[in-house]
Amino acid sequence: MNECIFCRIVRGEAPARIVYQDEAVTAFHDLNPQAPVHVLIVPNRHISGVAQVEPEDEPMLGRLFTVARRVAEEMGVDRGYRLVVNNGRPAGQSVFHLHLHLLGGRPFQWPPG
């Protein structure tokens, strides 16, 4: 998926403020932040969305969450933050590469909008 912007970021072909990267996962600042801390955490392998997740992806999915915890600690929001996965256009997904939004640094309302 060469045209996917997140795949290009993972490969270092598109600019991003990367805060973490390993063999499975990359985390970088969102270009349109919705909170003082807004980091996207993506699998390095292209997966379009939740419906494309396979059983063999379970270790990588766990890695997304442990990286989220690590990034939250490093960004100083580990006392309270929100993790969001938008799946499909009706849910607000605009880049079709599975990703977690880590949002923190301000109070959040429930239910989310």
C-alpha atoms as a PDB file:
ATOM      1  CA  MET A   1       0.000   0.000   0.000  1.00  0.00           C
ATOM      2  CA  ASN A   2       2.523   2.587  -1.214  1.00  0.00           C
ATOM      3  CA  GLU A   3       0.037   5.487  -1.317  1.00  0.00           C
ATOM      4  CA  CYS A   4      -1.033   5.123   2.330  1.00  0.00           C
ATOM      5  CA  ILE A   5       0.309   8.128   4.231  1.00  0.00           C
ATOM      6  CA  PHE A   6       0.832   6.103   7.415  1.00  0.00           C
ATOM      7  CA  CYS A   7       2.805   3.449   5.492  1.00  0.00           C
ATOM      8  CA  ARG A   8       4.933   6.233   4.027  1.00  0.00           C
ATOM      9  CA  ILE A   9       5.551   7.678   7.521  1.00  0.00           C
ATOM     10  CA  VAL A  10       6.543   4.229   8.829  1.00  0.00           C
ATOM     11  CA  ARG A  11       9.030   3.847   5.950  1.00  0.00           C
ATOM     12  CA  GLY A  12      10.445   7.348   6.525  1.00  0.00           C
ATOM     13  CA  GLU A  13       9.154   8.611   3.161  1.00  0.00           C
ATOM     14  CA  ALA A  14       6.793  11.232   4.607  1.00  0.00           C
ATOM     15  CA  PRO A  15       7.548  13.735   7.376  1.00  0.00           C
ATOM     16  CA  ALA A  16       6.223  13.123  10.872  1.00  0.00           C
ATOM     17  CA  ARG A  17       7.224  13.897  14.443  1.00  0.00           C
ATOM     18  CA  ILE A  18       7.889  10.301  15.465  1.00  0.00           C
ATOM     19  CA  VAL A  19       7.936   9.670  19.201  1.00  0.00           C
ATOM     20  CA  TYR A  20       8.442   5.897  19.088  1.00  0.00           C
ATOM     21  CA  GLN A  21       9.258   3.223  16.527  1.00  0.00           C
ATOM     22  CA  ASP A  22      10.157  -0.456  16.705  1.00  0.00           C
ATOM     23  CA  GLU A  23       9.829  -3.450  14.385  1.00  0.00           C
ATOM     24  CA  ALA A  24       6.036  -3.665  14.864  1.00  0.00           C
ATOM     25  CA  VAL A  25       4.678  -0.218  15.755  1.00  0.00           C
ATOM     26  CA  THR A  26       5.267   3.487  15.056  1.00  0.00           C
ATOM     27  CA  ALA A  27       3.890   6.416  17.098  1.00  0.00           C
ATOM     28  CA  PHE A  28       3.848  10.015  15.888  1.00  0.00           C
ATOM     29  CA  HIS A  29       2.136  13.329  16.634  1.00  0.00           C
ATOM     30  CA  ASP A  30      -1.190  13.940  14.877  1.00  0.00           C
ATOM     31  CA  LEU A  31      -1.068  16.814  12.363  1.00  0.00           C
ATOM     32  CA  ASN A  32      -4.474  18.054  13.565  1.00  0.00           C
ATOM     33  CA  PRO A  33      -4.319  17.599  17.353  1.00  0.00           C
ATOM     34  CA  GLN A  34      -7.572  17.425  19.288  1.00  0.00           C
ATOM     35  CA  ALA A  35      -5.862  17.646  22.688  1.00  0.00           C
ATOM     36  CA  PRO A  36      -2.553  18.978  24.038  1.00  0.00           C
ATOM     37  CA  VAL A  37      -1.205  15.445  23.561  1.00  0.00           C
ATOM     38  CA  HIS A  38      -2.474  13.679  20.442  1.00  0.00           C
ATOM     39  CA  VAL A  39      -0.319  10.834  19.199  1.00  0.00           C
ATOM     40  CA  LEU A  40      -1.242   8.218  16.603  1.00  0.00           C
ATOM     41  CA  ILE A  41       0.019   4.684  17.172  1.00  0.00           C
ATOM     42  CA  VAL A  42       0.023   2.496  14.065  1.00  0.00           C
ATOM     43  CA  PRO A  43       1.089  -1.025  13.165  1.00  0.00           C
ATOM     44  CA  ASN A  44       4.026  -0.902  10.766  1.00  0.00           C
ATOM     45  CA  ARG A  45       2.281  -3.439   8.526  1.00  0.00           C
ATOM     46  CA  HIS A  46      -0.687  -2.043   6.642  1.00  0.00           C
ATOM     47  CA  ILE A  47      -4.038  -3.142   8.068  1.00  0.00           C
ATOM     48  CA  SER A  48      -6.933  -1.070   6.754  1.00  0.00           C
ATOM     49  CA  GLY A  49      -9.132  -1.339   9.823  1.00  0.00           C
ATOM     50  CA  VAL A  50     -10.546  -3.582  12.532  1.00  0.00           C
ATOM     51  CA  ALA A  51     -12.381  -5.782  10.003  1.00  0.00           C
ATOM     52  CA  GLN A  52      -9.018  -6.737   8.454  1.00  0.00           C
ATOM     53  CA  VAL A  53      -7.420  -7.835  11.756  1.00  0.00           C
ATOM     54  CA  GLU A  54      -6.527 -11.536  11.809  1.00  0.00           C
ATOM     55  CA  PRO A  55      -5.748 -13.849  14.756  1.00  0.00           C
ATOM     56  CA  GLU A  56      -2.035 -13.676  13.944  1.00  0.00           C
ATOM     57  CA  ASP A  57      -2.212  -9.887  14.559  1.00  0.00           C
ATOM     58  CA  GLU A  58      -2.948 -10.342  18.269  1.00  0.00           C
ATOM     59  CA  PRO A  59       0.683  -9.839  19.437  1.00  0.00           C
ATOM     60  CA  MET A  60       0.927  -6.609  17.411  1.00  0.00           C
ATOM     61  CA  LEU A  61      -2.398  -5.381  18.831  1.00  0.00           C
ATOM     62  CA  GLY A  62      -1.070  -5.905  22.342  1.00  0.00           C
ATOM     63  CA  ARG A  63       2.067  -4.009  21.321  1.00  0.00           C
ATOM     64  CA  LEU A  64      -0.097  -1.024  20.273  1.00  0.00           C
ATOM     65  CA  PHE A  65      -1.393  -0.812  23.852  1.00  0.00           C
ATOM     66  CA  THR A  66       1.962  -1.233  25.588  1.00  0.00           C
ATOM     67  CA  VAL A  67       3.403   1.475  23.335  1.00  0.00           C
ATOM     68  CA  ALA A  68       0.393   3.672  24.190  1.00  0.00           C
ATOM     69  CA  ARG A  69       1.183   3.252  27.886  1.00  0.00           C
ATOM     70  CA  ARG A  70       4.859   4.067  27.303  1.00  0.00           C
ATOM     71  CA  VAL A  71       4.094   7.166  25.205  1.00  0.00           C
ATOM     72  CA  ALA A  72       1.520   8.383  27.768  1.00  0.00           C
ATOM     73  CA  GLU A  73       4.156   8.091  30.495  1.00  0.00           C
ATOM     74  CA  GLU A  74       6.781   9.901  28.407  1.00  0.00           C
ATOM     75  CA  MET A  75       4.304  12.680  27.537  1.00  0.00           C
ATOM     76  CA  GLY A  76       3.267  13.092  31.173  1.00  0.00           C
ATOM     77  CA  VAL A  77      -0.391  12.162  30.705  1.00  0.00           C
ATOM     78  CA  ASP A  78      -0.314   8.702  32.271  1.00  0.00           C
ATOM     79  CA  ARG A  79      -2.701   9.743  35.073  1.00  0.00           C
ATOM     80  CA  GLY A  80      -5.517   9.992  32.535  1.00  0.00           C
ATOM     81  CA  TYR A  81      -5.761   9.701  28.771  1.00  0.00           C
ATOM     82  CA  ARG A  82      -8.127   8.413  26.135  1.00  0.00           C
ATOM     83  CA  LEU A  83      -7.457   5.782  23.483  1.00  0.00           C
ATOM     84  CA  VAL A  84      -9.718   5.863  20.426  1.00  0.00           C
ATOM     85  CA  VAL A  85     -10.045   3.622  17.381  1.00  0.00           C
ATOM     86  CA  ASN A  86     -12.275   4.928  14.600  1.00  0.00           C
ATOM     87  CA  ASN A  87     -13.367   2.113  12.281  1.00  0.00           C
ATOM     88  CA  GLY A  88     -14.958   3.060   8.981  1.00  0.00           C
ATOM     89  CA  ARG A  89     -15.923   6.362   7.426  1.00  0.00           C
ATOM     90  CA  PRO A  90     -19.189   6.707   9.465  1.00  0.00           C
ATOM     91  CA  ALA A  91     -17.100   6.495  12.671  1.00  0.00           C
ATOM     92  CA  GLY A  92     -14.718   9.221  11.519  1.00  0.00           C
ATOM     93  CA  GLN A  93     -11.877   7.115  10.120  1.00  0.00           C
ATOM     94  CA  SER A  94     -10.163   9.245   7.476  1.00  0.00           C
ATOM     95  CA  VAL A  95      -6.917   7.294   6.990  1.00  0.00           C
ATOM     96  CA  PHE A  96      -7.601   3.645   6.287  1.00  0.00           C
ATOM     97  CA  HIS A  97      -4.653   2.215   8.194  1.00  0.00           C
ATOM     98  CA  LEU A  98      -5.551   0.890  11.643  1.00  0.00           C
ATOM     99  CA  HIS A  99      -4.433   3.310  14.357  1.00  0.00           C
ATOM    100  CA  LEU A 100      -4.947   4.275  17.975  1.00  0.00           C
ATOM    101  CA  HIS A 101      -5.415   7.913  18.918  1.00  0.00           C
ATOM    102  CA  LEU A 102      -3.785   8.652  22.266  1.00  0.00           C
ATOM    103  CA  LEU A 103      -5.330  11.863  23.609  1.00  0.00           C
ATOM    104  CA  GLY A 104      -4.405  13.555  26.862  1.00  0.00           C
ATOM    105  CA  GLY A 105      -3.614  16.766  28.646  1.00  0.00           C
ATOM    106  CA  ARG A 106      -7.191  18.004  29.060  1.00  0.00           C
ATOM    107  CA  PRO A 107     -10.470  16.763  30.588  1.00  0.00           C
ATOM    108  CA  PHE A 108     -12.743  14.703  28.332  1.00  0.00           C
ATOM    109  CA  GLN A 109     -16.518  14.444  28.282  1.00  0.00           C
ATOM    110  CA  TRP A 110     -18.680  11.349  28.055  1.00  0.00           C
ATOM    111  CA  PRO A 111     -20.217  10.338  25.810  1.00  0.00           C
ATOM    112  CA  PRO A 112     -17.708  11.429  23.175  1.00  0.00           C
ATOM    113  CA  GLY A 113     -19.059  13.369  20.220  1.00  0.00           C
END
